[in-house]
Amino acid sequence: MLGWAHTAAGDDRAAVSAWRAAVLTEPRLVPAYLAAINGYLRLGEPALALLVARAGITALPDSPELRDALARLERREPA
């Protein structure tokens, strides 16, 4: 919840930190991975978003949401 509170306050860096801490505490928390991915994209950090997506897939390989996010990010990667 802290991540979303930081986002509402306009502090995406603090929000991403909160979501990263959340997935370290609870690695099966898909919404926190997705929120961190979106936060990094808002911060203009697609490479970090990709790292989070890959970490999410490692923790939850059957998550359709994370697979979709990873696929979208991989399509954005430069060739």
Foldseek 3Di string as FASTA:
>chain_A
DVLVVCVVVVNLVVSLVVLVVVCVVPVQPVVSLVSNLVSCVVVVNLVVSLVSLVSNCVSPVPDPVSVVSNVVSVVVDDD
